[in-house]
Every structure is written in C-alpha cells, then in structure tokens.
C-alpha atoms as a PDB file:
ATOM      1  CA  UNK A   1       0.058  -0.086   0.040  1.00  0.00           C
ATOM      2  CA  UNK A   2       2.992   2.411   0.838  1.00  0.00           C
ATOM      3  CA  UNK A   3       4.435   1.741  -2.650  1.00  0.00           C
ATOM      4  CA  UNK A   4       1.004   2.577  -4.127  1.00  0.00           C
ATOM      5  CA  UNK A   5       0.832   5.776  -2.310  1.00  0.00           C
ATOM      6  CA  UNK A   6       4.269   6.807  -3.382  1.00  0.00           C
ATOM      7  CA  UNK A   7       3.780   5.918  -6.986  1.00  0.00           C
ATOM      8  CA  UNK A   8       0.355   7.688  -7.419  1.00  0.00           C
ATOM      9  CA  UNK A   9       2.031  10.998  -5.559  1.00  0.00           C
ATOM     10  CA  UNK A  10       4.432  10.861  -8.543  1.00  0.00           C
ATOM     11  CA  UNK A  11       7.354  10.661  -6.071  1.00  0.00           C
ATOM     12  CA  UNK A  12       8.708   7.948  -8.495  1.00  0.00           C
ATOM     13  CA  UNK A  13       8.805  10.374 -11.311  1.00  0.00           C
ATOM     14  CA  UNK A  14      10.972  13.058  -9.742  1.00  0.00           C
ATOM     15  CA  UNK A  15      13.935  14.017 -11.746  1.00  0.00           C
ATOM     16  CA  UNK A  16      12.312  12.374 -14.921  1.00  0.00           C
ATOM     17  CA  UNK A  17      10.557  13.832 -17.893  1.00  0.00           C
ATOM     18  CA  UNK A  18       6.782  14.238 -17.545  1.00  0.00           C
ATOM     19  CA  UNK A  19       4.966  10.905 -18.076  1.00  0.00           C
ATOM     20  CA  UNK A  20       1.417  10.117 -18.553  1.00  0.00           C
ATOM     21  CA  UNK A  21       0.494   6.500 -17.576  1.00  0.00           C
ATOM     22  CA  UNK A  22      -0.803   4.658 -20.576  1.00  0.00           C
ATOM     23  CA  UNK A  23      -2.895   2.530 -18.388  1.00  0.00           C
ATOM     24  CA  UNK A  24      -4.450   5.472 -16.571  1.00  0.00           C
ATOM     25  CA  UNK A  25      -4.925   7.459 -20.014  1.00  0.00           C
ATOM     26  CA  UNK A  26      -6.608   4.427 -21.716  1.00  0.00           C
ATOM     27  CA  UNK A  27      -8.855   3.653 -18.624  1.00  0.00           C
ATOM     28  CA  UNK A  28      -9.983   7.341 -18.148  1.00  0.00           C
ATOM     29  CA  UNK A  29     -11.152   7.387 -21.729  1.00  0.00           C
ATOM     30  CA  UNK A  30     -13.287   4.485 -21.077  1.00  0.00           C
ATOM     31  CA  UNK A  31     -14.714   5.692 -17.659  1.00  0.00           C
ATOM     32  CA  UNK A  32     -15.584   9.027 -19.321  1.00  0.00           C
ATOM     33  CA  UNK A  33     -18.192   7.081 -21.274  1.00  0.00           C
ATOM     34  CA  UNK A  34     -19.304   4.085 -19.284  1.00  0.00           C
ATOM     35  CA  UNK A  35     -19.993   3.487 -15.544  1.00  0.00           C
ATOM     36  CA  UNK A  36     -16.868   1.551 -14.801  1.00  0.00           C
ATOM     37  CA  UNK A  37     -15.379   1.586 -11.443  1.00  0.00           C
ATOM     38  CA  UNK A  38     -11.837   3.016 -11.778  1.00  0.00           C
ATOM     39  CA  UNK A  39     -10.055  -0.065 -10.064  1.00  0.00           C
ATOM     40  CA  UNK A  40     -11.883  -2.258 -12.529  1.00  0.00           C
ATOM     41  CA  UNK A  41     -10.910  -0.433 -15.507  1.00  0.00           C
ATOM     42  CA  UNK A  42      -7.375  -0.330 -14.331  1.00  0.00           C
ATOM     43  CA  UNK A  43      -7.285  -4.108 -14.168  1.00  0.00           C
ATOM     44  CA  UNK A  44      -8.670  -4.552 -17.638  1.00  0.00           C
ATOM     45  CA  UNK A  45      -6.377  -1.794 -19.247  1.00  0.00           C
ATOM     46  CA  UNK A  46      -3.373  -3.089 -17.375  1.00  0.00           C
ATOM     47  CA  UNK A  47      -3.639  -6.304 -19.031  1.00  0.00           C
ATOM     48  CA  UNK A  48      -4.205  -4.744 -22.362  1.00  0.00           C
ATOM     49  CA  UNK A  49      -1.385  -2.412 -21.950  1.00  0.00           C
ATOM     50  CA  UNK A  50       1.237  -5.185 -20.922  1.00  0.00           C
ATOM     51  CA  UNK A  51       0.030  -7.252 -23.997  1.00  0.00           C
ATOM     52  CA  UNK A  52       0.527  -4.210 -26.308  1.00  0.00           C
ATOM     53  CA  UNK A  53       3.582  -2.886 -24.765  1.00  0.00           C
ATOM     54  CA  UNK A  54       5.688  -6.129 -24.766  1.00  0.00           C
ATOM     55  CA  UNK A  55       8.391  -5.746 -27.372  1.00  0.00           C
ATOM     56  CA  UNK A  56      11.567  -7.504 -27.939  1.00  0.00           C
ATOM     57  CA  UNK A  57      13.358  -4.357 -26.525  1.00  0.00           C
ATOM     58  CA  UNK A  58      11.550  -4.656 -23.154  1.00  0.00           C
ATOM     59  CA  UNK A  59      10.861  -8.109 -22.897  1.00  0.00           C
ATOM     60  CA  UNK A  60      13.618  -8.640 -20.355  1.00  0.00           C
ATOM     61  CA  UNK A  61      11.942  -6.022 -17.855  1.00  0.00           C
ATOM     62  CA  UNK A  62       8.806  -7.979 -18.118  1.00  0.00           C
ATOM     63  CA  UNK A  63      10.818 -11.332 -17.445  1.00  0.00           C
ATOM     64  CA  UNK A  64      12.284  -9.523 -14.414  1.00  0.00           C
ATOM     65  CA  UNK A  65       8.880  -8.617 -13.269  1.00  0.00           C
ATOM     66  CA  UNK A  66       7.946 -12.377 -13.484  1.00  0.00           C
ATOM     67  CA  UNK A  67      10.629 -13.682 -11.348  1.00  0.00           C
ATOM     68  CA  UNK A  68      10.630 -10.834  -8.732  1.00  0.00           C
ATOM     69  CA  UNK A  69       6.951 -10.197  -8.245  1.00  0.00           C
ATOM     70  CA  UNK A  70       5.237 -13.560  -9.376  1.00  0.00           C
ATOM     71  CA  UNK A  71       7.971 -16.076  -8.347  1.00  0.00           C
ATOM     72  CA  UNK A  72       8.013 -17.354 -11.932  1.00  0.00           C
ATOM     73  CA  UNK A  73      10.934 -19.310 -12.880  1.00  0.00           C
ATOM     74  CA  UNK A  74      12.651 -18.657 -16.261  1.00  0.00           C
ATOM     75  CA  UNK A  75      10.819 -20.457 -19.177  1.00  0.00           C
ATOM     76  CA  UNK A  76      12.164 -21.323 -22.288  1.00  0.00           C
ATOM     77  CA  UNK A  77      12.645 -17.828 -23.253  1.00  0.00           C
ATOM     78  CA  UNK A  78      12.373 -14.122 -21.694  1.00  0.00           C
ATOM     79  CA  UNK A  79       9.158 -13.580 -23.913  1.00  0.00           C
ATOM     80  CA  UNK A  80       7.609 -16.826 -22.613  1.00  0.00           C
ATOM     81  CA  UNK A  81       8.466 -15.825 -18.952  1.00  0.00           C
ATOM     82  CA  UNK A  82       7.203 -12.430 -19.447  1.00  0.00           C
ATOM     83  CA  UNK A  83       3.809 -13.578 -21.045  1.00  0.00           C
ATOM     84  CA  UNK A  84       3.523 -15.922 -17.885  1.00  0.00           C
ATOM     85  CA  UNK A  85       3.676 -12.866 -15.618  1.00  0.00           C
ATOM     86  CA  UNK A  86       1.101 -11.181 -17.642  1.00  0.00           C
ATOM     87  CA  UNK A  87      -1.336 -14.276 -17.086  1.00  0.00           C
ATOM     88  CA  UNK A  88      -0.059 -14.218 -13.374  1.00  0.00           C
ATOM     89  CA  UNK A  89      -1.506 -10.619 -13.143  1.00  0.00           C
ATOM     90  CA  UNK A  90      -4.710 -11.541 -14.767  1.00  0.00           C
ATOM     91  CA  UNK A  91      -5.259 -14.501 -12.539  1.00  0.00           C
ATOM     92  CA  UNK A  92      -4.523 -12.269  -9.441  1.00  0.00           C
ATOM     93  CA  UNK A  93      -7.125  -9.791 -10.904  1.00  0.00           C
ATOM     94  CA  UNK A  94      -9.602 -12.637 -11.160  1.00  0.00           C
ATOM     95  CA  UNK A  95      -8.964 -13.606  -7.630  1.00  0.00           C
ATOM     96  CA  UNK A  96      -9.874 -10.362  -6.669  1.00  0.00           C
ATOM     97  CA  UNK A  97     -13.216 -10.394  -8.423  1.00  0.00           C
ATOM     98  CA  UNK A  98     -12.114  -7.746 -10.876  1.00  0.00           C
ATOM     99  CA  UNK A  99     -13.062  -8.050 -14.586  1.00  0.00           C
ATOM    100  CA  UNK A 100     -10.189  -8.626 -17.113  1.00  0.00           C
ATOM    101  CA  UNK A 101     -11.994  -8.105 -20.160  1.00  0.00           C
ATOM    102  CA  UNK A 102     -14.120  -5.219 -21.973  1.00  0.00           C
ATOM    103  CA  UNK A 103     -17.114  -7.497 -22.470  1.00  0.00           C
ATOM    104  CA  UNK A 104     -17.292  -8.281 -18.592  1.00  0.00           C
ATOM    105  CA  UNK A 105     -18.444  -4.675 -18.195  1.00  0.00           C
ATOM    106  CA  UNK A 106     -20.579  -4.692 -21.116  1.00  0.00           C
ATOM    107  CA  UNK A 107     -18.677  -2.766 -23.610  1.00  0.00           C
ATOM    108  CA  UNK A 108     -19.295  -4.061 -27.246  1.00  0.00           C
ATOM    109  CA  UNK A 109     -17.054  -4.003 -30.394  1.00  0.00           C
ATOM    110  CA  UNK A 110     -18.798  -0.983 -31.622  1.00  0.00           C
ATOM    111  CA  UNK A 111     -18.476   1.058 -28.776  1.00  0.00           C
ATOM    112  CA  UNK A 112     -14.846   0.355 -28.637  1.00  0.00           C
ATOM    113  CA  UNK A 113     -14.572   1.671 -32.328  1.00  0.00           C
ATOM    114  CA  UNK A 114     -16.608   4.654 -31.542  1.00  0.00           C
ATOM    115  CA  UNK A 115     -14.458   5.589 -28.575  1.00  0.00           C
ATOM    116  CA  UNK A 116     -11.380   5.277 -30.680  1.00  0.00           C
ATOM    117  CA  UNK A 117     -12.587   7.619 -33.190  1.00  0.00           C
ATOM    118  CA  UNK A 118     -13.693  10.247 -30.809  1.00  0.00           C
ATOM    119  CA  UNK A 119     -10.848  10.117 -28.316  1.00  0.00           C
ATOM    120  CA  UNK A 120      -7.727   9.318 -30.342  1.00  0.00           C
ATOM    121  CA  UNK A 121      -6.925  13.079 -30.330  1.00  0.00           C
ATOM    122  CA  UNK A 122      -6.985  12.963 -26.485  1.00  0.00           C
ATOM    123  CA  UNK A 123      -3.800  10.988 -26.101  1.00  0.00           C
ATOM    124  CA  UNK A 124      -0.990  13.268 -25.860  1.00  0.00           C
ATOM    125  CA  UNK A 125       2.679  12.517 -24.614  1.00  0.00           C
ATOM    126  CA  UNK A 126       2.521   8.574 -25.552  1.00  0.00           C
ATOM    127  CA  UNK A 127       5.837   9.079 -27.292  1.00  0.00           C
ATOM    128  CA  UNK A 128       7.397   8.524 -23.754  1.00  0.00           C
ATOM    129  CA  UNK A 129       5.620   4.897 -23.397  1.00  0.00           C
ATOM    130  CA  UNK A 130       7.191   1.689 -24.009  1.00  0.00           C
ATOM    131  CA  UNK A 131       5.344   1.574 -27.168  1.00  0.00           C
ATOM    132  CA  UNK A 132       3.621   4.671 -28.224  1.00  0.00           C
ATOM    133  CA  UNK A 133      -0.034   4.908 -29.501  1.00  0.00           C
ATOM    134  CA  UNK A 134       0.502   7.020 -32.463  1.00  0.00           C
ATOM    135  CA  UNK A 135      -2.650   6.364 -34.344  1.00  0.00           C
ATOM    136  CA  UNK A 136      -6.349   5.399 -34.029  1.00  0.00           C
ATOM    137  CA  UNK A 137      -5.443   1.896 -34.970  1.00  0.00           C
ATOM    138  CA  UNK A 138      -2.974   1.591 -32.294  1.00  0.00           C
ATOM    139  CA  UNK A 139      -5.471   2.670 -29.682  1.00  0.00           C
ATOM    140  CA  UNK A 140      -8.012   0.290 -31.317  1.00  0.00           C
ATOM    141  CA  UNK A 141      -5.504  -2.486 -30.840  1.00  0.00           C
ATOM    142  CA  UNK A 142      -4.979  -1.685 -27.224  1.00  0.00           C
ATOM    143  CA  UNK A 143      -8.677  -2.108 -26.390  1.00  0.00           C
ATOM    144  CA  UNK A 144      -9.095  -5.100 -28.780  1.00  0.00           C
ATOM    145  CA  UNK A 145      -6.602  -6.947 -26.617  1.00  0.00           C
ATOM    146  CA  UNK A 146      -9.061  -7.046 -23.780  1.00  0.00           C
ATOM    147  CA  UNK A 147     -12.033  -7.645 -26.047  1.00  0.00           C
ATOM    148  CA  UNK A 148     -11.621 -11.133 -28.078  1.00  0.00           C
ATOM    149  CA  UNK A 149     -11.548 -13.532 -25.068  1.00  0.00           C
ATOM    150  CA  UNK A 150     -14.602 -15.172 -26.167  1.00  0.00           C
ATOM    151  CA  UNK A 151     -13.308 -16.272 -29.358  1.00  0.00           C
ATOM    152  CA  UNK A 152     -14.963 -13.377 -31.384  1.00  0.00           C
ATOM    153  CA  UNK A 153     -12.590 -10.958 -32.911  1.00  0.00           C
ATOM    154  CA  UNK A 154     -13.391  -7.516 -33.039  1.00  0.00           C
ATOM    155  CA  UNK A 155     -12.927  -7.378 -36.621  1.00  0.00           C
ATOM    156  CA  UNK A 156     -15.939  -9.593 -37.089  1.00  0.00           C
ATOM    157  CA  UNK A 157     -18.103  -7.294 -35.009  1.00  0.00           C
END
C-alpha cells in the first residue's frame, strides 16, 4: 500500500521527464463514457497495456517482473516468462473478483470503435511510453486485446 501511495503521488517520477501513464489514460477514456469503477478499468487496461507494450526491447523487464513479483522461474525464453507474468497478473485480478475483459463490463466492439474515433486526439505524450500509441489503429489494438477473449474477433463485429 505504501508503494502505491508513493507511486500515485508521482514521487517515483521526480527527476524524470513528464510521463502520462498509458494505463490511466486508456482507462480514463473508458470511464468517461461508461460507468466503470476505476480499479476495474485499471485491471482491464493493465492487461491490455502489458500485452500491447511487450516488445523485444523490453521483454527482459517483464521477465524480471515475472521472477521478482510473481515468483515465476525462467521459461524457455524471456518472452515466454514475460507472458507468464502477464497471465499471473490476470489470474490475480480474477482472484480479487476484478473484470479482465471489456465484455465483462458490457462494452461492445461497436462502442470500442466509437470511443477510439472520438478520443484518439485526447492522447498526448504517448511518445514516452514503452510502445507509443500514435494512431487510431494503435488505440483500437490496445482495446481489442481485452475484448476478444470469447473467441470473437473485434474485426467480425
């Protein structure tokens, strides 16, 4: 809890360039339109962001998170270890009773497309993120990562 308080107070950003949290930005877009409890939206968008942001460049950081936070031993590759950490975070969210997909908070594919069209211009400063959201298509990809869990692709909706 203490770490959360320090982080939310931006103490961890002291001495660094300004940084907008991609998870908070994408969650605030959702909660501006739909009645979603902030923590539930953060759970959903954290999982989306982790999957979107995972690149060859930062996979070692995610693998370190797997070991240090989730106690996951190294798999066949750092990527596999990193993906296991993301899955562990999702399991943890479900244990807490949090939703992990947009469809669990009754957001449809059409609504995701509408939000993306209206709100893309509202994302500023994403160039400092691990993987920037530079287009409407990028933003749609982030949201889509937490929609298609039921075997239905957003592209088919």
